[in-house]
Amino acid sequence: MRHVQGRARRAGAALAAVLTWAGLLAGAAGCDSDPTGGIDVDRVLGKPPEPQDVIRISPDDGSKGVRPSKALRIQVPSGRLESVKVVKSQDAQETPVSGRISADGRRWEPGEKLALAARYTVDAVAVDGDGHRSARHTTFTTYVPEERFIGYATPENRSTVGTGMIISLDFNREIENRAAVERAVHVTAKPAVEVRPHWFGKSRLDFRPEHYWKPGTQVTVALRFRDVEGARGVYGLQYKTFSFTVGRSQVSLVDAAAHTMEVRRDGELLATVPITAGAPKHTTYNGKMVMMEMLEVTRMNSRTVGFGGEYDIPDVPHAIRLTDSGTFLHGNYWAPDAPGNTNVSHGCVGLRDVKGGSADTPAGWFFDRSMIGDVVEIVNSEDKKVAPDNGLGGWNMGWKEWKAGGADK
């Protein structure tokens, strides 16, 4: 299954010893992707209302160039808001946006105005008038003056990330003078390692070393865009530095044919987890994918990723985004017999879980031991390799080809 809405959490608990999996399977239920495994989800779970009818958020998801004068509104027509989290990202620095839920639970009221040149993420969970829990996850960006450009940076400042993290700059407009902009980015690592750039089109610039980062590496990224001419008459706005630390190495190998996932920490096998991958008509991409986002609960609607109305599940637990196009690794409580036995999804990787999510299920166990930047590699699926620019998929490109993608040779 692929995509949408939810409540974000980042997790990275250390593991002291290799675990036996038998004890973790008790009480677990489910996998993803068609997500149904042939089950009539509407019949089993009840037809959920449309997400915009449960939680109404303005500006709309995906909006760009939102003027700071526009108000941020989050409200429900019935029921109550259970939780709201709004995060503002500027220059790789994430800060929570102040606000409160009204006394009647119907709306969230921000405590500050929108900022210029920022990216906002909204995660809201509500219970509707019939007692059904639902989540929404939306993003939007605010206005940048026409004569300026900025780069939205990944990862966030002072974060601890997995060994597969790729530095990615997503520019708000096309860059024509790519060599000049590239020279204005300085990446240093301790211990030292060669880090090289690669452009994907004219608005995205990524950096990575030849191999996964060594655990413990400290990386500093200096953006020196101010007054650099990125396109004719368009100059950079940023003069910022951010840094991150590479935590432990965790690489998980998903075998779509065997219906298993081997989870390795610093090269040692922690556990072999039963999974379900994409069904024959909706296979899962092969290749190396990097964890980009972690959502404790999210809504997954097939229409948001180009399918018809095959599924709409308002409370998918333990969802980890692997690609921009909507590939997730997530919990499944509605098709408990699929993991370890058959592939039934629309392209995601599913682990057993229970409704509401639980740490005592395979999905909960894996979620609590994962962090942004961890690697998931998928093999033996009847599909192509994931594109290098689909999420942080640059590890699927050879080093020679990667280096050839730099503009300042």
Protein backbone atom coordinates (compact mmCIF):
# COMPACT_ATOMS: atom_id res chain seq x y z
CA MET A 1 0.00 0.00 0.00
CA ARG A 2 1.19 3.48 -0.68
CA HIS A 3 0.66 6.69 1.24
CA VAL A 4 -0.84 9.31 3.23
CA GLN A 5 -1.78 11.14 6.44
CA GLY A 6 -0.62 10.67 10.09
CA ARG A 7 1.04 11.48 13.41
CA ALA A 8 4.83 11.56 13.27
CA ARG A 9 7.30 10.07 15.70
CA ARG A 10 10.98 9.40 15.39
CA ALA A 11 12.37 6.45 17.27
CA GLY A 12 15.83 5.03 17.83
CA ALA A 13 16.10 2.78 20.86
CA ALA A 14 19.32 0.81 21.26
CA LEU A 15 19.15 -2.99 21.36
CA ALA A 16 21.41 -4.82 23.80
CA ALA A 17 21.01 -8.42 22.60
CA VAL A 18 19.72 -10.51 19.73
CA LEU A 19 16.03 -11.24 20.29
CA THR A 20 14.13 -14.43 19.62
CA TRP A 21 11.12 -13.68 17.49
CA ALA A 22 8.66 -16.24 18.81
CA GLY A 23 7.77 -14.19 21.86
CA LEU A 24 7.09 -11.09 19.77
CA LEU A 25 4.55 -12.80 17.53
CA ALA A 26 1.96 -13.41 20.20
CA GLY A 27 -1.16 -11.36 19.60
CA ALA A 28 0.12 -9.85 16.34
CA ALA A 29 -2.17 -9.34 13.36
CA GLY A 30 -1.76 -8.20 9.85
CA CYS A 31 -0.02 -6.84 6.77
CA ASP A 32 -0.56 -4.41 3.97
CA SER A 33 -0.91 -3.28 0.60
CA ASP A 34 -3.67 -4.32 -1.56
CA PRO A 35 -3.53 -3.69 1.78
CA THR A 36 -6.47 -5.94 2.06
CA GLY A 37 -5.19 -9.34 1.01
CA GLY A 38 -8.50 -9.83 -0.80
CA ILE A 39 -10.48 -8.79 2.27
CA ASP A 40 -13.40 -6.40 1.83
CA VAL A 41 -12.02 -3.67 4.09
CA ASP A 42 -15.22 -1.65 3.98
CA ARG A 43 -17.10 -4.65 5.33
CA VAL A 44 -14.54 -5.54 8.00
CA LEU A 45 -13.65 -2.04 9.19
CA GLY A 46 -16.68 -0.08 8.07
CA LYS A 47 -16.58 2.52 5.32
CA PRO A 48 -14.46 5.40 6.64
CA PRO A 49 -15.54 8.95 5.87
CA GLU A 50 -13.38 10.96 3.51
CA PRO A 51 -10.31 12.33 5.36
CA GLN A 52 -11.13 15.94 4.50
CA ASP A 53 -14.59 15.43 6.00
CA VAL A 54 -13.13 14.24 9.31
CA ILE A 55 -10.24 16.71 9.65
CA ARG A 56 -10.29 19.90 7.61
CA ILE A 57 -6.90 21.56 7.17
CA SER A 58 -6.13 24.83 5.42
CA PRO A 59 -3.84 25.55 3.53
CA ASP A 60 -4.45 22.45 1.41
CA ASP A 61 -1.94 19.60 1.35
CA GLY A 62 0.89 20.31 -1.09
CA SER A 63 0.21 24.05 -1.33
CA LYS A 64 3.19 26.19 -2.38
CA GLY A 65 3.87 29.89 -2.04
CA VAL A 66 1.34 30.34 0.77
CA ARG A 67 1.30 33.98 1.89
CA PRO A 68 2.08 34.58 5.59
CA SER A 69 -1.17 36.53 5.87
CA LYS A 70 -3.15 33.33 5.31
CA ALA A 71 -4.39 31.69 8.51
CA LEU A 72 -3.56 28.10 9.39
CA ARG A 73 -6.83 26.33 10.25
CA ILE A 74 -7.41 22.81 11.59
CA GLN A 75 -10.94 21.82 12.53
CA VAL A 76 -13.44 18.97 12.66
CA PRO A 77 -17.17 19.28 11.85
CA SER A 78 -18.07 16.68 14.48
CA GLY A 79 -16.35 14.68 17.17
CA ARG A 80 -13.11 16.12 18.55
CA LEU A 81 -9.46 16.63 17.79
CA GLU A 82 -7.37 14.18 19.78
CA SER A 83 -3.95 15.63 18.99
CA VAL A 84 -2.36 18.21 16.69
CA LYS A 85 1.33 18.69 15.91
CA VAL A 86 2.54 21.44 13.59
CA VAL A 87 6.25 21.73 12.76
CA LYS A 88 7.99 24.56 10.92
CA SER A 89 11.18 23.77 9.01
CA GLN A 90 13.64 26.50 7.99
CA ASP A 91 17.27 25.90 7.03
CA ALA A 92 17.18 22.30 8.33
CA GLN A 93 15.96 23.55 11.72
CA GLU A 94 12.64 22.12 12.85
CA THR A 95 10.66 23.96 15.50
CA PRO A 96 7.19 23.22 16.87
CA VAL A 97 4.48 25.77 16.14
CA SER A 98 2.61 26.90 19.23
CA GLY A 99 -1.14 26.46 19.40
CA ARG A 100 -3.98 24.88 21.34
CA ILE A 101 -7.11 22.83 20.83
CA SER A 102 -10.26 24.79 21.62
CA ALA A 103 -12.36 23.91 24.66
CA ASP A 104 -14.97 22.12 22.53
CA GLY A 105 -12.28 20.08 20.75
CA ARG A 106 -13.44 21.20 17.31
CA ARG A 107 -10.51 23.35 16.20
CA TRP A 108 -6.83 24.01 16.73
CA GLU A 109 -5.82 27.63 17.12
CA PRO A 110 -2.22 28.64 16.21
CA GLY A 111 -0.28 30.90 18.53
CA GLU A 112 1.78 32.53 15.79
CA LYS A 113 1.59 33.67 12.17
CA LEU A 114 3.08 31.78 9.24
CA ALA A 115 6.71 32.59 8.39
CA LEU A 116 8.25 33.36 5.02
CA ALA A 117 10.27 30.70 3.16
CA ALA A 118 9.31 27.84 5.47
CA ARG A 119 7.98 24.33 5.09
CA TYR A 120 5.17 23.28 7.44
CA THR A 121 4.08 19.78 8.41
CA VAL A 122 0.71 19.16 10.06
CA ASP A 123 -0.18 15.92 11.85
CA ALA A 124 -3.66 15.69 13.32
CA VAL A 125 -5.64 12.84 14.84
CA ALA A 126 -9.37 13.07 15.51
CA VAL A 127 -12.27 10.96 16.71
CA ASP A 128 -15.42 11.59 14.68
CA GLY A 129 -19.02 11.69 15.90
CA ASP A 130 -19.33 7.91 15.53
CA GLY A 131 -16.19 7.21 17.55
CA HIS A 132 -13.95 6.35 14.57
CA ARG A 133 -10.31 7.41 14.85
CA SER A 134 -8.71 9.03 11.82
CA ALA A 135 -5.44 10.79 11.00
CA ARG A 136 -4.25 13.39 8.49
CA HIS A 137 -0.71 14.32 7.49
CA THR A 138 -0.27 17.38 5.28
CA THR A 139 2.54 19.68 4.20
CA PHE A 140 2.79 23.09 2.57
CA THR A 141 5.41 25.76 1.91
CA THR A 142 5.18 29.50 2.32
CA TYR A 143 6.06 32.34 0.01
CA VAL A 144 9.63 33.09 -1.06
CA PRO A 145 10.24 36.47 -2.74
CA GLU A 146 10.39 36.09 -6.52
CA GLU A 147 14.00 37.26 -6.78
CA ARG A 148 15.24 34.74 -4.20
CA PHE A 149 15.79 30.98 -3.98
CA ILE A 150 16.17 28.67 -0.99
CA GLY A 151 16.93 24.99 -0.50
CA TYR A 152 14.79 22.87 1.84
CA ALA A 153 17.34 20.62 3.54
CA THR A 154 17.31 17.00 4.73
CA PRO A 155 18.18 15.85 7.40
CA GLU A 156 17.28 18.28 10.16
CA ASN A 157 19.87 20.11 12.21
CA ARG A 158 21.40 18.26 15.19
CA SER A 159 19.63 15.03 14.34
CA THR A 160 20.98 11.52 14.79
CA VAL A 161 20.35 9.44 11.69
CA GLY A 162 20.93 6.01 10.25
CA THR A 163 23.95 5.05 8.21
CA GLY A 164 22.11 5.45 4.88
CA MET A 165 21.20 9.13 5.21
CA ILE A 166 21.64 11.20 2.05
CA ILE A 167 21.92 14.99 2.26
CA SER A 168 19.22 16.41 0.01
CA LEU A 169 18.46 20.00 -0.99
CA ASP A 170 15.11 20.62 -2.64
CA PHE A 171 15.06 24.10 -4.20
CA ASN A 172 11.92 26.19 -4.42
CA ARG A 173 12.62 27.07 -8.07
CA GLU A 174 14.74 25.74 -10.93
CA ILE A 175 18.47 26.39 -10.73
CA GLU A 176 20.15 27.38 -14.00
CA ASN A 177 23.64 28.13 -12.65
CA ARG A 178 24.04 24.72 -11.05
CA ALA A 179 27.84 24.82 -10.76
CA ALA A 180 27.73 28.10 -8.82
CA VAL A 181 25.07 26.79 -6.44
CA GLU A 182 26.90 23.50 -6.00
CA ARG A 183 30.13 25.32 -5.07
CA ALA A 184 28.20 27.18 -2.37
CA VAL A 185 27.53 23.95 -0.47
CA HIS A 186 30.37 22.70 1.76
CA VAL A 187 30.07 19.23 3.33
CA THR A 188 32.67 18.05 5.84
CA ALA A 189 32.78 14.80 7.78
CA LYS A 190 34.71 13.56 10.84
CA PRO A 191 36.26 11.05 10.30
CA ALA A 192 36.94 12.44 6.83
CA VAL A 193 35.36 10.76 3.81
CA GLU A 194 34.88 11.87 0.22
CA VAL A 195 31.36 13.27 -0.26
CA ARG A 196 30.19 14.11 -3.77
CA PRO A 197 27.14 15.89 -5.26
CA HIS A 198 24.58 14.70 -7.78
CA TRP A 199 21.84 16.76 -9.45
CA PHE A 200 18.40 15.34 -10.15
CA GLY A 201 17.00 17.79 -12.67
CA LYS A 202 17.29 21.50 -11.95
CA SER A 203 15.75 21.70 -8.50
CA ARG A 204 17.29 18.93 -6.41
CA LEU A 205 20.89 18.45 -5.27
CA ASP A 206 21.95 15.42 -3.19
CA PHE A 207 25.25 14.53 -1.49
CA ARG A 208 26.58 11.13 -0.35
CA PRO A 209 29.83 9.20 0.18
CA GLU A 210 30.71 6.14 -1.89
CA HIS A 211 29.53 3.74 0.81
CA TYR A 212 27.15 4.06 3.77
CA TRP A 213 28.39 6.44 6.46
CA LYS A 214 30.51 4.96 9.23
CA PRO A 215 28.62 4.97 12.56
CA GLY A 216 29.70 7.88 14.75
CA THR A 217 30.52 10.15 11.81
CA GLN A 218 29.78 13.83 12.43
CA VAL A 219 28.68 15.70 9.30
CA THR A 220 28.51 19.48 8.86
CA VAL A 221 26.79 21.16 5.92
CA ALA A 222 27.39 24.86 5.21
CA LEU A 223 24.94 26.58 2.85
CA ARG A 224 26.50 29.74 1.42
CA PHE A 225 23.76 30.70 -1.01
CA ARG A 226 23.33 34.33 -0.03
CA ASP A 227 23.74 36.49 -3.15
CA VAL A 228 24.72 33.52 -5.33
CA GLU A 229 22.91 33.87 -8.67
CA GLY A 230 21.01 30.60 -9.12
CA ALA A 231 19.14 31.76 -12.21
CA ARG A 232 18.99 35.01 -14.10
CA GLY A 233 18.08 37.71 -11.57
CA VAL A 234 17.38 35.10 -8.82
CA TYR A 235 19.75 35.09 -5.85
CA GLY A 236 20.19 32.86 -2.85
CA LEU A 237 18.77 33.79 0.54
CA GLN A 238 20.50 31.40 2.94
CA TYR A 239 23.79 31.60 4.83
CA LYS A 240 23.37 28.77 7.31
CA THR A 241 25.21 25.77 8.74
CA PHE A 242 23.62 22.58 10.01
CA SER A 243 25.01 19.29 11.26
CA PHE A 244 23.99 15.73 12.04
CA THR A 245 25.48 12.61 13.59
CA VAL A 246 25.39 9.11 12.13
CA GLY A 247 24.14 6.65 14.74
CA ARG A 248 24.41 2.90 14.58
CA SER A 249 24.20 0.94 11.34
CA GLN A 250 20.90 -0.86 10.73
CA VAL A 251 20.21 -2.46 7.36
CA SER A 252 17.15 -4.67 6.84
CA LEU A 253 16.90 -7.09 3.91
CA VAL A 254 13.39 -7.82 2.64
CA ASP A 255 13.05 -10.97 0.52
CA ALA A 256 9.74 -10.58 -1.29
CA ALA A 257 9.76 -14.18 -2.52
CA ALA A 258 10.52 -15.71 0.89
CA HIS A 259 8.17 -13.28 2.74
CA THR A 260 10.86 -12.43 5.29
CA MET A 261 12.89 -9.46 6.51
CA GLU A 262 16.29 -9.91 8.12
CA VAL A 263 17.08 -7.04 10.51
CA ARG A 264 20.81 -6.50 11.06
CA ARG A 265 22.37 -4.07 13.54
CA ASP A 266 26.08 -3.34 13.00
CA GLY A 267 26.23 -6.46 10.85
CA GLU A 268 24.69 -8.82 13.42
CA LEU A 269 21.32 -10.47 12.84
CA LEU A 270 18.72 -9.25 15.35
CA ALA A 271 15.68 -11.03 14.01
CA THR A 272 14.00 -12.48 10.93
CA VAL A 273 10.53 -10.97 10.61
CA PRO A 274 7.62 -12.33 8.52
CA ILE A 275 6.42 -9.81 5.92
CA THR A 276 4.02 -9.43 3.04
CA ALA A 277 5.04 -7.49 -0.07
CA GLY A 278 3.33 -6.40 -3.29
CA ALA A 279 0.81 -8.72 -4.92
CA PRO A 280 1.53 -9.94 -8.49
CA LYS A 281 -0.40 -7.03 -10.04
CA HIS A 282 1.09 -4.43 -7.68
CA THR A 283 4.65 -5.57 -7.02
CA THR A 284 7.12 -3.86 -4.68
CA TYR A 285 10.17 -2.04 -6.01
CA ASN A 286 13.52 -3.77 -5.62
CA GLY A 287 16.54 -1.86 -4.39
CA LYS A 288 17.89 0.16 -1.48
CA MET A 289 15.54 2.60 0.23
CA VAL A 290 16.18 4.97 3.13
CA MET A 291 13.70 5.68 5.91
CA MET A 292 12.45 9.24 5.37
CA GLU A 293 9.54 9.66 7.76
CA MET A 294 8.02 7.74 10.68
CA LEU A 295 4.31 7.97 11.52
CA GLU A 296 2.76 6.28 14.53
CA VAL A 297 -0.58 6.31 12.73
CA THR A 298 -1.51 7.40 9.23
CA ARG A 299 -4.34 7.27 6.74
CA MET A 300 -3.70 5.33 3.52
CA ASN A 301 -6.00 6.02 0.60
CA SER A 302 -5.38 4.39 -2.78
CA ARG A 303 -6.59 7.45 -4.67
CA THR A 304 -3.68 9.53 -3.35
CA VAL A 305 -1.15 7.35 -5.19
CA GLY A 306 -2.86 6.91 -8.53
CA PHE A 307 -5.02 3.84 -7.89
CA GLY A 308 -8.80 3.69 -7.85
CA GLY A 309 -10.85 3.15 -4.70
CA GLU A 310 -9.30 -0.19 -3.74
CA TYR A 311 -8.57 0.82 -0.16
CA ASP A 312 -8.97 3.61 2.36
CA ILE A 313 -7.74 2.79 5.86
CA PRO A 314 -7.87 5.70 8.34
CA ASP A 315 -5.58 4.33 11.07
CA VAL A 316 -2.64 2.36 9.65
CA PRO A 317 -0.15 1.91 12.53
CA HIS A 318 3.65 2.11 12.58
CA ALA A 319 4.12 3.53 9.09
CA ILE A 320 7.65 4.22 7.80
CA ARG A 321 7.97 6.04 4.47
CA LEU A 322 10.54 4.62 2.04
CA THR A 323 9.86 6.54 -1.20
CA ASP A 324 8.33 9.79 -2.37
CA SER A 325 5.91 7.84 -4.54
CA GLY A 326 4.30 6.25 -1.50
CA THR A 327 6.09 2.99 -0.63
CA PHE A 328 5.81 2.36 3.11
CA LEU A 329 6.83 -0.33 5.54
CA HIS A 330 3.95 -0.47 8.03
CA GLY A 331 1.80 -2.44 10.41
CA ASN A 332 -1.28 -4.35 9.27
CA TYR A 333 -4.12 -5.54 11.51
CA TRP A 334 -6.74 -6.45 8.87
CA ALA A 335 -5.00 -9.36 7.07
CA PRO A 336 -3.24 -11.28 9.86
CA ASP A 337 -2.42 -14.40 7.82
CA ALA A 338 -0.51 -12.70 5.00
CA PRO A 339 2.92 -11.95 6.57
CA GLY A 340 5.24 -14.89 6.12
CA ASN A 341 2.84 -16.58 3.71
CA THR A 342 1.75 -14.48 0.73
CA ASN A 343 2.17 -11.10 -0.93
CA VAL A 344 -1.05 -9.10 -0.99
CA SER A 345 -0.10 -5.41 -1.01
CA HIS A 346 -0.19 -2.60 -3.56
CA GLY A 347 3.58 -2.20 -3.26
CA CYS A 348 4.29 -1.69 0.43
CA VAL A 349 5.94 -4.04 2.90
CA GLY A 350 3.60 -5.09 5.71
CA LEU A 351 4.28 -6.45 9.20
CA ARG A 352 1.82 -7.98 11.67
CA ASP A 353 0.19 -5.48 14.01
CA VAL A 354 -3.00 -4.84 15.96
CA LYS A 355 -5.55 -2.05 15.64
CA GLY A 356 -4.17 0.99 17.41
CA GLY A 357 -0.63 -0.40 17.19
CA SER A 358 1.35 -2.23 19.87
CA ALA A 359 5.03 -2.45 20.80
CA ASP A 360 4.53 -6.19 21.31
CA THR A 361 3.93 -6.89 17.62
CA PRO A 362 6.51 -7.31 14.82
CA ALA A 363 5.55 -3.89 13.42
CA GLY A 364 5.84 -2.18 16.80
CA TRP A 365 9.11 -3.95 17.61
CA PHE A 366 10.67 -2.83 14.32
CA PHE A 367 9.31 0.73 14.53
CA ASP A 368 10.78 1.23 18.01
CA ARG A 369 14.20 0.06 16.82
CA SER A 370 14.33 2.15 13.65
CA MET A 371 15.39 5.72 12.91
CA ILE A 372 15.34 8.13 10.01
CA GLY A 373 18.22 7.20 7.70
CA ASP A 374 18.09 3.43 8.26
CA VAL A 375 18.27 1.32 5.12
CA VAL A 376 15.74 -1.21 3.84
CA GLU A 377 16.83 -3.25 0.83
CA ILE A 378 14.25 -5.26 -1.12
CA VAL A 379 15.21 -8.24 -3.28
CA ASN A 380 13.47 -10.96 -5.31
CA SER A 381 10.43 -8.88 -6.23
CA GLU A 382 9.03 -9.05 -9.77
CA ASP A 383 9.53 -5.33 -10.28
CA LYS A 384 12.19 -2.85 -11.39
CA LYS A 385 14.74 -1.22 -9.14
CA VAL A 386 13.53 1.93 -7.40
CA ALA A 387 14.64 5.15 -9.14
CA PRO A 388 17.57 6.97 -7.45
CA ASP A 389 15.49 10.15 -7.10
CA ASN A 390 12.44 8.39 -5.65
CA GLY A 391 12.96 9.27 -2.01
CA LEU A 392 16.58 8.97 -0.88
CA GLY A 393 17.31 6.23 -3.40
CA GLY A 394 20.74 7.41 -4.49
CA TRP A 395 22.43 4.25 -3.15
CA ASN A 396 20.99 2.44 -6.17
CA MET A 397 23.42 4.35 -8.40
CA GLY A 398 27.06 3.30 -8.84
CA TRP A 399 29.77 5.64 -7.57
CA LYS A 400 31.08 6.52 -11.04
CA GLU A 401 27.61 7.40 -12.26
CA TRP A 402 26.89 9.36 -9.08
CA LYS A 403 30.01 11.49 -9.43
CA ALA A 404 29.18 12.17 -13.08
CA GLY A 405 26.02 13.92 -11.92
CA GLY A 406 27.85 16.84 -10.38
CA ALA A 407 27.80 20.18 -12.22
CA ASP A 408 31.17 21.56 -11.08
CA LYS A 409 33.61 19.05 -12.59
